[in-house]
């Protein structure tokens, strides 16, 4: 069978994961027909997704992983999920940042992608509880040397989570004394009923402090986060000013979200007038 040259591996895997979640399971032969690739390619994709912990391989196909509300994937596992969507979101969110602003970036792989987009925005003050986000700015300054307009980074202390965020009383106390123009917040889950949520109780409290210290709250979350509910809610949708998400968000979800907050959909295909 000839391979479909128009689909990259990450695009195929995103389509496979969406199909598994939507249908509750899928067979290999169905995926080969749908994607126009060989059995071997589909099986490699399923192996890769199974290693990331987002689906479970069964005889002849795959089924979704049923996660407890307390399950918290590590940073590396989350980095492999929806990479194109995260880059689209990061690009759109970066346009909301003005030179000289004081901003906060929470932990998460989407805020990590955003941090790379902010390296050339001059005179930023960046408050973060993410070791990974702080490293983005640190490595940039170390490799390019001291430069005018480089960001000033404030890294909170705290206890490190599986997603490399710093949480707990030390982080909470530091954040409570600060005030920033915009908070860019990554989330584990977002829904109309539960608002913003996380499986980590300590991270929930730290996120509450971040929300309280921000003049404007911007959530950066791809479409797979909609409808997901973690153990602890830390903010209602009404406390959020803007959600920056990707084009995979269904129309009914867009309508429901728009009733509560502003919505920016990144990567939306352009339509002719």
C-alpha atoms as a PDB file:
ATOM      1  CA  UNK A   1       0.000   0.000   0.000  1.00  0.00           C
ATOM      2  CA  UNK A   2       1.349   3.458  -0.854  1.00  0.00           C
ATOM      3  CA  UNK A   3       1.685   5.865   2.034  1.00  0.00           C
ATOM      4  CA  UNK A   4      -0.300   9.110   2.223  1.00  0.00           C
ATOM      5  CA  UNK A   5       2.416  11.782   1.718  1.00  0.00           C
ATOM      6  CA  UNK A   6       0.204  14.608   2.930  1.00  0.00           C
ATOM      7  CA  UNK A   7       0.074  13.523   6.571  1.00  0.00           C
ATOM      8  CA  UNK A   8       2.985  13.981   8.964  1.00  0.00           C
ATOM      9  CA  UNK A   9       3.428  11.491  11.783  1.00  0.00           C
ATOM     10  CA  UNK A  10       2.145  13.926  14.406  1.00  0.00           C
ATOM     11  CA  UNK A  11      -0.909  14.704  12.280  1.00  0.00           C
ATOM     12  CA  UNK A  12      -1.708  11.013  11.856  1.00  0.00           C
ATOM     13  CA  UNK A  13      -1.330  10.395  15.571  1.00  0.00           C
ATOM     14  CA  UNK A  14      -3.558  13.349  16.438  1.00  0.00           C
ATOM     15  CA  UNK A  15      -6.230  11.979  14.088  1.00  0.00           C
ATOM     16  CA  UNK A  16      -5.878   8.496  15.573  1.00  0.00           C
ATOM     17  CA  UNK A  17      -6.186   9.807  19.125  1.00  0.00           C
ATOM     18  CA  UNK A  18      -9.244  11.890  18.251  1.00  0.00           C
ATOM     19  CA  UNK A  19     -10.848   8.852  16.614  1.00  0.00           C
ATOM     20  CA  UNK A  20     -10.136   6.614  19.625  1.00  0.00           C
ATOM     21  CA  UNK A  21     -11.530   9.161  22.081  1.00  0.00           C
ATOM     22  CA  UNK A  22     -14.591   9.951  19.963  1.00  0.00           C
ATOM     23  CA  UNK A  23     -15.560   6.352  19.260  1.00  0.00           C
ATOM     24  CA  UNK A  24     -14.250   4.701  22.418  1.00  0.00           C
ATOM     25  CA  UNK A  25     -11.969   2.430  20.404  1.00  0.00           C
ATOM     26  CA  UNK A  26     -10.829   1.727  16.846  1.00  0.00           C
ATOM     27  CA  UNK A  27      -9.399  -1.167  14.832  1.00  0.00           C
ATOM     28  CA  UNK A  28      -6.130  -1.111  12.883  1.00  0.00           C
ATOM     29  CA  UNK A  29      -7.799  -1.990   9.569  1.00  0.00           C
ATOM     30  CA  UNK A  30     -10.223   0.917   9.979  1.00  0.00           C
ATOM     31  CA  UNK A  31      -7.340   3.321  10.524  1.00  0.00           C
ATOM     32  CA  UNK A  32      -5.422   2.076   7.494  1.00  0.00           C
ATOM     33  CA  UNK A  33      -8.443   2.803   5.276  1.00  0.00           C
ATOM     34  CA  UNK A  34      -9.153   6.163   6.872  1.00  0.00           C
ATOM     35  CA  UNK A  35      -5.550   7.422   6.780  1.00  0.00           C
ATOM     36  CA  UNK A  36      -4.395   5.730   3.581  1.00  0.00           C
ATOM     37  CA  UNK A  37      -1.296   4.175   5.165  1.00  0.00           C
ATOM     38  CA  UNK A  38      -0.041   0.665   5.822  1.00  0.00           C
ATOM     39  CA  UNK A  39      -0.816  -1.584   8.790  1.00  0.00           C
ATOM     40  CA  UNK A  40       2.812  -1.249   9.876  1.00  0.00           C
ATOM     41  CA  UNK A  41       2.589   2.558   9.962  1.00  0.00           C
ATOM     42  CA  UNK A  42      -0.607   2.476  12.011  1.00  0.00           C
ATOM     43  CA  UNK A  43       0.906  -0.010  14.468  1.00  0.00           C
ATOM     44  CA  UNK A  44       3.987   2.203  14.892  1.00  0.00           C
ATOM     45  CA  UNK A  45       1.709   5.173  15.577  1.00  0.00           C
ATOM     46  CA  UNK A  46      -0.271   3.168  18.140  1.00  0.00           C
ATOM     47  CA  UNK A  47       2.978   2.081  19.813  1.00  0.00           C
ATOM     48  CA  UNK A  48       4.085   5.713  20.058  1.00  0.00           C
ATOM     49  CA  UNK A  49       0.745   6.857  21.505  1.00  0.00           C
ATOM     50  CA  UNK A  50       0.729   3.956  23.968  1.00  0.00           C
ATOM     51  CA  UNK A  51       4.209   4.954  25.190  1.00  0.00           C
ATOM     52  CA  UNK A  52       2.850   8.458  25.817  1.00  0.00           C
ATOM     53  CA  UNK A  53       0.107   6.897  27.944  1.00  0.00           C
ATOM     54  CA  UNK A  54      -2.802   8.394  26.008  1.00  0.00           C
ATOM     55  CA  UNK A  55      -4.288   5.150  24.684  1.00  0.00           C
ATOM     56  CA  UNK A  56      -4.100   1.432  25.350  1.00  0.00           C
ATOM     57  CA  UNK A  57      -3.315  -1.111  22.652  1.00  0.00           C
ATOM     58  CA  UNK A  58      -5.634  -4.108  22.466  1.00  0.00           C
ATOM     59  CA  UNK A  59      -5.774  -7.028  20.037  1.00  0.00           C
ATOM     60  CA  UNK A  60      -6.428  -5.567  16.604  1.00  0.00           C
ATOM     61  CA  UNK A  61      -6.663  -1.922  17.658  1.00  0.00           C
ATOM     62  CA  UNK A  62      -6.704   0.531  20.556  1.00  0.00           C
ATOM     63  CA  UNK A  63      -8.980   1.970  23.242  1.00  0.00           C
ATOM     64  CA  UNK A  64      -8.741   5.178  25.289  1.00  0.00           C
ATOM     65  CA  UNK A  65      -7.015   5.243  28.653  1.00  0.00           C
ATOM     66  CA  UNK A  66      -9.478   5.903  31.462  1.00  0.00           C
ATOM     67  CA  UNK A  67      -7.696   8.291  33.795  1.00  0.00           C
ATOM     68  CA  UNK A  68      -8.554   8.998  37.397  1.00  0.00           C
ATOM     69  CA  UNK A  69      -9.193  12.628  38.313  1.00  0.00           C
ATOM     70  CA  UNK A  70      -5.966  12.490  40.351  1.00  0.00           C
ATOM     71  CA  UNK A  71      -3.780  11.287  37.444  1.00  0.00           C
ATOM     72  CA  UNK A  72      -1.082  13.796  36.527  1.00  0.00           C
ATOM     73  CA  UNK A  73       1.137  13.021  33.515  1.00  0.00           C
ATOM     74  CA  UNK A  74       4.769  14.137  33.550  1.00  0.00           C
ATOM     75  CA  UNK A  75       6.119  16.988  31.429  1.00  0.00           C
ATOM     76  CA  UNK A  76       7.701  14.730  28.815  1.00  0.00           C
ATOM     77  CA  UNK A  77       4.486  12.742  28.325  1.00  0.00           C
ATOM     78  CA  UNK A  78       2.453  15.914  27.833  1.00  0.00           C
ATOM     79  CA  UNK A  79       5.032  17.436  25.474  1.00  0.00           C
ATOM     80  CA  UNK A  80       4.238  14.818  22.848  1.00  0.00           C
ATOM     81  CA  UNK A  81       0.517  15.652  22.791  1.00  0.00           C
ATOM     82  CA  UNK A  82      -0.920  18.094  20.228  1.00  0.00           C
ATOM     83  CA  UNK A  83       2.442  19.762  19.375  1.00  0.00           C
ATOM     84  CA  UNK A  84       1.102  21.647  16.348  1.00  0.00           C
ATOM     85  CA  UNK A  85      -1.866  22.988  18.309  1.00  0.00           C
ATOM     86  CA  UNK A  86       0.435  24.172  21.098  1.00  0.00           C
ATOM     87  CA  UNK A  87       2.634  26.042  18.644  1.00  0.00           C
ATOM     88  CA  UNK A  88      -0.420  27.693  17.047  1.00  0.00           C
ATOM     89  CA  UNK A  89      -1.684  28.707  20.491  1.00  0.00           C
ATOM     90  CA  UNK A  90       1.727  30.025  21.550  1.00  0.00           C
ATOM     91  CA  UNK A  91       1.979  32.127  18.404  1.00  0.00           C
ATOM     92  CA  UNK A  92      -1.457  33.689  18.963  1.00  0.00           C
ATOM     93  CA  UNK A  93      -0.920  34.241  22.694  1.00  0.00           C
ATOM     94  CA  UNK A  94       2.408  35.986  22.108  1.00  0.00           C
ATOM     95  CA  UNK A  95       0.562  38.671  20.162  1.00  0.00           C
ATOM     96  CA  UNK A  96      -1.206  39.618  23.407  1.00  0.00           C
ATOM     97  CA  UNK A  97       2.070  40.585  25.108  1.00  0.00           C
ATOM     98  CA  UNK A  98       3.223  44.208  24.990  1.00  0.00           C
ATOM     99  CA  UNK A  99       6.862  45.260  25.441  1.00  0.00           C
ATOM    100  CA  UNK A 100       7.644  46.235  29.017  1.00  0.00           C
ATOM    101  CA  UNK A 101       4.760  44.250  30.518  1.00  0.00           C
ATOM    102  CA  UNK A 102       4.882  42.300  33.754  1.00  0.00           C
ATOM    103  CA  UNK A 103       3.506  38.871  32.950  1.00  0.00           C
ATOM    104  CA  UNK A 104       3.163  35.507  34.662  1.00  0.00           C
ATOM    105  CA  UNK A 105       3.498  32.102  33.043  1.00  0.00           C
ATOM    106  CA  UNK A 106       2.212  29.062  34.895  1.00  0.00           C
ATOM    107  CA  UNK A 107       3.620  25.587  34.492  1.00  0.00           C
ATOM    108  CA  UNK A 108       2.729  23.468  31.481  1.00  0.00           C
ATOM    109  CA  UNK A 109       3.848  22.491  28.021  1.00  0.00           C
ATOM    110  CA  UNK A 110       1.763  25.166  26.273  1.00  0.00           C
ATOM    111  CA  UNK A 111       3.205  27.970  28.397  1.00  0.00           C
ATOM    112  CA  UNK A 112       6.619  26.434  27.694  1.00  0.00           C
ATOM    113  CA  UNK A 113       5.943  26.828  23.964  1.00  0.00           C
ATOM    114  CA  UNK A 114       4.769  30.395  24.602  1.00  0.00           C
ATOM    115  CA  UNK A 115       7.980  31.248  26.477  1.00  0.00           C
ATOM    116  CA  UNK A 116      10.019  30.565  23.334  1.00  0.00           C
ATOM    117  CA  UNK A 117       7.840  33.045  21.448  1.00  0.00           C
ATOM    118  CA  UNK A 118       8.492  35.793  23.997  1.00  0.00           C
ATOM    119  CA  UNK A 119      12.296  35.825  23.862  1.00  0.00           C
ATOM    120  CA  UNK A 120      12.360  38.783  21.469  1.00  0.00           C
ATOM    121  CA  UNK A 121       9.724  40.873  23.273  1.00  0.00           C
ATOM    122  CA  UNK A 122      11.774  43.622  24.974  1.00  0.00           C
ATOM    123  CA  UNK A 123      11.827  44.572  28.649  1.00  0.00           C
ATOM    124  CA  UNK A 124       9.480  41.917  29.987  1.00  0.00           C
ATOM    125  CA  UNK A 125       9.277  40.980  33.632  1.00  0.00           C
ATOM    126  CA  UNK A 126       8.330  37.301  33.757  1.00  0.00           C
ATOM    127  CA  UNK A 127       7.057  35.665  36.938  1.00  0.00           C
ATOM    128  CA  UNK A 128       6.827  31.892  36.707  1.00  0.00           C
ATOM    129  CA  UNK A 129       6.490  28.825  38.891  1.00  0.00           C
ATOM    130  CA  UNK A 130       7.724  26.630  36.032  1.00  0.00           C
ATOM    131  CA  UNK A 131      11.305  25.395  36.052  1.00  0.00           C
ATOM    132  CA  UNK A 132      11.027  24.640  32.331  1.00  0.00           C
ATOM    133  CA  UNK A 133       9.767  28.132  31.459  1.00  0.00           C
ATOM    134  CA  UNK A 134      12.525  29.794  33.502  1.00  0.00           C
ATOM    135  CA  UNK A 135      15.099  27.639  31.710  1.00  0.00           C
ATOM    136  CA  UNK A 136      13.916  28.930  28.314  1.00  0.00           C
ATOM    137  CA  UNK A 137      14.915  32.475  29.245  1.00  0.00           C
ATOM    138  CA  UNK A 138      18.029  31.382  31.142  1.00  0.00           C
ATOM    139  CA  UNK A 139      19.393  29.332  28.225  1.00  0.00           C
ATOM    140  CA  UNK A 140      18.657  32.143  25.754  1.00  0.00           C
ATOM    141  CA  UNK A 141      20.592  34.644  27.839  1.00  0.00           C
ATOM    142  CA  UNK A 142      23.459  32.219  28.428  1.00  0.00           C
ATOM    143  CA  UNK A 143      23.862  31.406  24.736  1.00  0.00           C
ATOM    144  CA  UNK A 144      23.375  34.900  23.309  1.00  0.00           C
ATOM    145  CA  UNK A 145      25.005  36.810  26.174  1.00  0.00           C
ATOM    146  CA  UNK A 146      23.690  39.856  28.001  1.00  0.00           C
ATOM    147  CA  UNK A 147      21.546  41.952  25.699  1.00  0.00           C
ATOM    148  CA  UNK A 148      19.536  45.115  26.101  1.00  0.00           C
ATOM    149  CA  UNK A 149      15.861  44.468  26.693  1.00  0.00           C
ATOM    150  CA  UNK A 150      16.285  40.857  27.862  1.00  0.00           C
ATOM    151  CA  UNK A 151      13.527  39.633  30.159  1.00  0.00           C
ATOM    152  CA  UNK A 152      13.851  39.777  33.922  1.00  0.00           C
ATOM    153  CA  UNK A 153      12.724  36.404  35.246  1.00  0.00           C
ATOM    154  CA  UNK A 154      11.363  35.785  38.741  1.00  0.00           C
ATOM    155  CA  UNK A 155      11.178  32.074  39.587  1.00  0.00           C
ATOM    156  CA  UNK A 156       9.098  31.227  42.630  1.00  0.00           C
ATOM    157  CA  UNK A 157      10.298  28.616  45.073  1.00  0.00           C
ATOM    158  CA  UNK A 158       8.258  25.606  46.076  1.00  0.00           C
ATOM    159  CA  UNK A 159       7.897  21.857  45.743  1.00  0.00           C
ATOM    160  CA  UNK A 160       8.318  20.390  42.253  1.00  0.00           C
ATOM    161  CA  UNK A 161       5.365  18.551  40.650  1.00  0.00           C
ATOM    162  CA  UNK A 162       5.505  15.841  37.918  1.00  0.00           C
ATOM    163  CA  UNK A 163       4.923  18.617  35.364  1.00  0.00           C
ATOM    164  CA  UNK A 164       7.938  20.573  36.707  1.00  0.00           C
ATOM    165  CA  UNK A 165       5.879  23.317  38.356  1.00  0.00           C
ATOM    166  CA  UNK A 166       6.792  24.740  41.749  1.00  0.00           C
ATOM    167  CA  UNK A 167       3.859  24.723  44.174  1.00  0.00           C
ATOM    168  CA  UNK A 168       3.062  24.837  47.873  1.00  0.00           C
ATOM    169  CA  UNK A 169       3.286  27.474  50.649  1.00  0.00           C
ATOM    170  CA  UNK A 170       6.608  28.966  49.526  1.00  0.00           C
ATOM    171  CA  UNK A 171       5.333  29.551  45.983  1.00  0.00           C
ATOM    172  CA  UNK A 172       1.954  30.787  47.255  1.00  0.00           C
ATOM    173  CA  UNK A 173       3.535  33.350  49.582  1.00  0.00           C
ATOM    174  CA  UNK A 174       5.845  34.689  46.875  1.00  0.00           C
ATOM    175  CA  UNK A 175       3.038  35.040  44.327  1.00  0.00           C
ATOM    176  CA  UNK A 176       0.700  36.755  46.838  1.00  0.00           C
ATOM    177  CA  UNK A 177       3.100  39.716  47.111  1.00  0.00           C
ATOM    178  CA  UNK A 178       3.257  40.304  43.349  1.00  0.00           C
ATOM    179  CA  UNK A 179       0.999  41.933  40.766  1.00  0.00           C
ATOM    180  CA  UNK A 180       1.214  41.325  37.025  1.00  0.00           C
ATOM    181  CA  UNK A 181      -0.516  42.692  33.969  1.00  0.00           C
ATOM    182  CA  UNK A 182      -1.348  39.355  32.339  1.00  0.00           C
ATOM    183  CA  UNK A 183      -1.303  35.752  33.517  1.00  0.00           C
ATOM    184  CA  UNK A 184      -0.919  33.032  30.880  1.00  0.00           C
ATOM    185  CA  UNK A 185      -2.281  29.915  32.474  1.00  0.00           C
ATOM    186  CA  UNK A 186      -1.957  26.331  31.301  1.00  0.00           C
ATOM    187  CA  UNK A 187      -4.615  23.940  32.601  1.00  0.00           C
ATOM    188  CA  UNK A 188      -5.196  20.214  32.988  1.00  0.00           C
ATOM    189  CA  UNK A 189      -8.910  20.573  32.272  1.00  0.00           C
ATOM    190  CA  UNK A 190     -11.575  23.163  31.511  1.00  0.00           C
ATOM    191  CA  UNK A 191     -15.353  22.794  31.546  1.00  0.00           C
ATOM    192  CA  UNK A 192     -18.445  24.929  32.011  1.00  0.00           C
ATOM    193  CA  UNK A 193     -19.371  23.168  35.252  1.00  0.00           C
ATOM    194  CA  UNK A 194     -15.967  22.713  36.942  1.00  0.00           C
ATOM    195  CA  UNK A 195     -14.167  25.702  35.446  1.00  0.00           C
ATOM    196  CA  UNK A 196     -10.390  25.285  35.497  1.00  0.00           C
ATOM    197  CA  UNK A 197      -9.096  22.203  37.271  1.00  0.00           C
ATOM    198  CA  UNK A 198      -5.991  20.165  38.055  1.00  0.00           C
ATOM    199  CA  UNK A 199      -5.339  16.741  39.620  1.00  0.00           C
ATOM    200  CA  UNK A 200      -2.786  18.273  42.027  1.00  0.00           C
ATOM    201  CA  UNK A 201      -4.246  19.891  45.165  1.00  0.00           C
ATOM    202  CA  UNK A 202      -1.162  21.991  45.905  1.00  0.00           C
ATOM    203  CA  UNK A 203      -0.990  23.190  42.304  1.00  0.00           C
ATOM    204  CA  UNK A 204      -4.652  24.206  42.506  1.00  0.00           C
ATOM    205  CA  UNK A 205      -3.891  26.540  45.414  1.00  0.00           C
ATOM    206  CA  UNK A 206      -0.855  28.028  43.668  1.00  0.00           C
ATOM    207  CA  UNK A 207      -2.929  28.615  40.544  1.00  0.00           C
ATOM    208  CA  UNK A 208      -5.573  30.376  42.653  1.00  0.00           C
ATOM    209  CA  UNK A 209      -2.889  32.771  43.868  1.00  0.00           C
ATOM    210  CA  UNK A 210      -1.722  33.388  40.300  1.00  0.00           C
ATOM    211  CA  UNK A 211      -5.280  34.221  39.213  1.00  0.00           C
ATOM    212  CA  UNK A 212      -5.778  36.554  42.187  1.00  0.00           C
ATOM    213  CA  UNK A 213      -2.544  38.452  41.412  1.00  0.00           C
ATOM    214  CA  UNK A 214      -3.323  39.072  37.738  1.00  0.00           C
ATOM    215  CA  UNK A 215      -5.156  42.004  36.188  1.00  0.00           C
ATOM    216  CA  UNK A 216      -5.973  39.860  33.167  1.00  0.00           C
ATOM    217  CA  UNK A 217      -6.173  36.052  32.933  1.00  0.00           C
ATOM    218  CA  UNK A 218      -5.509  34.289  29.624  1.00  0.00           C
ATOM    219  CA  UNK A 219      -5.878  30.503  29.533  1.00  0.00           C
ATOM    220  CA  UNK A 220      -3.813  28.708  26.886  1.00  0.00           C
ATOM    221  CA  UNK A 221      -5.262  25.229  26.272  1.00  0.00           C
ATOM    222  CA  UNK A 222      -5.700  22.992  23.236  1.00  0.00           C
ATOM    223  CA  UNK A 223      -9.083  21.508  22.346  1.00  0.00           C
ATOM    224  CA  UNK A 224      -8.455  18.188  24.144  1.00  0.00           C
ATOM    225  CA  UNK A 225      -8.617  19.994  27.511  1.00  0.00           C
ATOM    226  CA  UNK A 226     -12.277  20.945  27.027  1.00  0.00           C
ATOM    227  CA  UNK A 227     -14.560  18.710  29.070  1.00  0.00           C
ATOM    228  CA  UNK A 228     -11.716  17.323  31.202  1.00  0.00           C
ATOM    229  CA  UNK A 229     -12.194  17.649  34.972  1.00  0.00           C
ATOM    230  CA  UNK A 230      -9.351  17.192  37.459  1.00  0.00           C
ATOM    231  CA  UNK A 231      -9.641  16.576  41.180  1.00  0.00           C
ATOM    232  CA  UNK A 232      -9.568  20.231  42.238  1.00  0.00           C
ATOM    233  CA  UNK A 233     -11.165  23.297  40.642  1.00  0.00           C
ATOM    234  CA  UNK A 234      -9.307  26.555  41.173  1.00  0.00           C
ATOM    235  CA  UNK A 235     -11.167  29.131  39.056  1.00  0.00           C
ATOM    236  CA  UNK A 236     -14.562  29.599  37.417  1.00  0.00           C
ATOM    237  CA  UNK A 237     -14.803  30.479  33.737  1.00  0.00           C
ATOM    238  CA  UNK A 238     -16.045  33.928  34.750  1.00  0.00           C
ATOM    239  CA  UNK A 239     -12.622  34.621  36.302  1.00  0.00           C
ATOM    240  CA  UNK A 240     -10.954  34.149  32.916  1.00  0.00           C
ATOM    241  CA  UNK A 241     -10.759  36.980  30.392  1.00  0.00           C
ATOM    242  CA  UNK A 242      -9.642  35.051  27.311  1.00  0.00           C
ATOM    243  CA  UNK A 243      -9.153  31.451  26.195  1.00  0.00           C
ATOM    244  CA  UNK A 244      -6.604  30.891  23.438  1.00  0.00           C
ATOM    245  CA  UNK A 245      -7.206  27.475  21.898  1.00  0.00           C
ATOM    246  CA  UNK A 246      -6.818  25.703  18.552  1.00  0.00           C
ATOM    247  CA  UNK A 247      -9.042  25.013  15.565  1.00  0.00           C
ATOM    248  CA  UNK A 248      -9.868  21.522  16.801  1.00  0.00           C
ATOM    249  CA  UNK A 249     -12.365  22.898  19.329  1.00  0.00           C
ATOM    250  CA  UNK A 250     -15.892  21.853  18.237  1.00  0.00           C
ATOM    251  CA  UNK A 251     -18.483  24.477  17.350  1.00  0.00           C
ATOM    252  CA  UNK A 252     -20.769  23.636  20.289  1.00  0.00           C
ATOM    253  CA  UNK A 253     -17.884  24.063  22.725  1.00  0.00           C
ATOM    254  CA  UNK A 254     -16.981  27.407  21.141  1.00  0.00           C
ATOM    255  CA  UNK A 255     -20.531  28.635  21.600  1.00  0.00           C
ATOM    256  CA  UNK A 256     -20.637  27.532  25.233  1.00  0.00           C
ATOM    257  CA  UNK A 257     -17.259  29.071  26.064  1.00  0.00           C
ATOM    258  CA  UNK A 258     -18.156  32.351  24.349  1.00  0.00           C
ATOM    259  CA  UNK A 259     -21.011  32.792  26.820  1.00  0.00           C
ATOM    260  CA  UNK A 260     -18.467  33.174  29.622  1.00  0.00           C
ATOM    261  CA  UNK A 261     -15.258  34.683  28.191  1.00  0.00           C
ATOM    262  CA  UNK A 262     -13.410  35.897  25.126  1.00  0.00           C
ATOM    263  CA  UNK A 263     -12.256  33.240  22.687  1.00  0.00           C
ATOM    264  CA  UNK A 264      -9.235  33.276  20.366  1.00  0.00           C
ATOM    265  CA  UNK A 265      -8.994  30.292  18.002  1.00  0.00           C
ATOM    266  CA  UNK A 266      -5.444  29.872  16.708  1.00  0.00           C
ATOM    267  CA  UNK A 267      -4.596  28.131  13.454  1.00  0.00           C
ATOM    268  CA  UNK A 268      -8.055  28.645  11.970  1.00  0.00           C
ATOM    269  CA  UNK A 269      -7.948  28.172   8.180  1.00  0.00           C
ATOM    270  CA  UNK A 270      -8.430  31.429   6.327  1.00  0.00           C
ATOM    271  CA  UNK A 271     -11.603  31.739   4.279  1.00  0.00           C
ATOM    272  CA  UNK A 272     -12.005  33.808   1.153  1.00  0.00           C
ATOM    273  CA  UNK A 273     -14.242  36.854   1.349  1.00  0.00           C
END
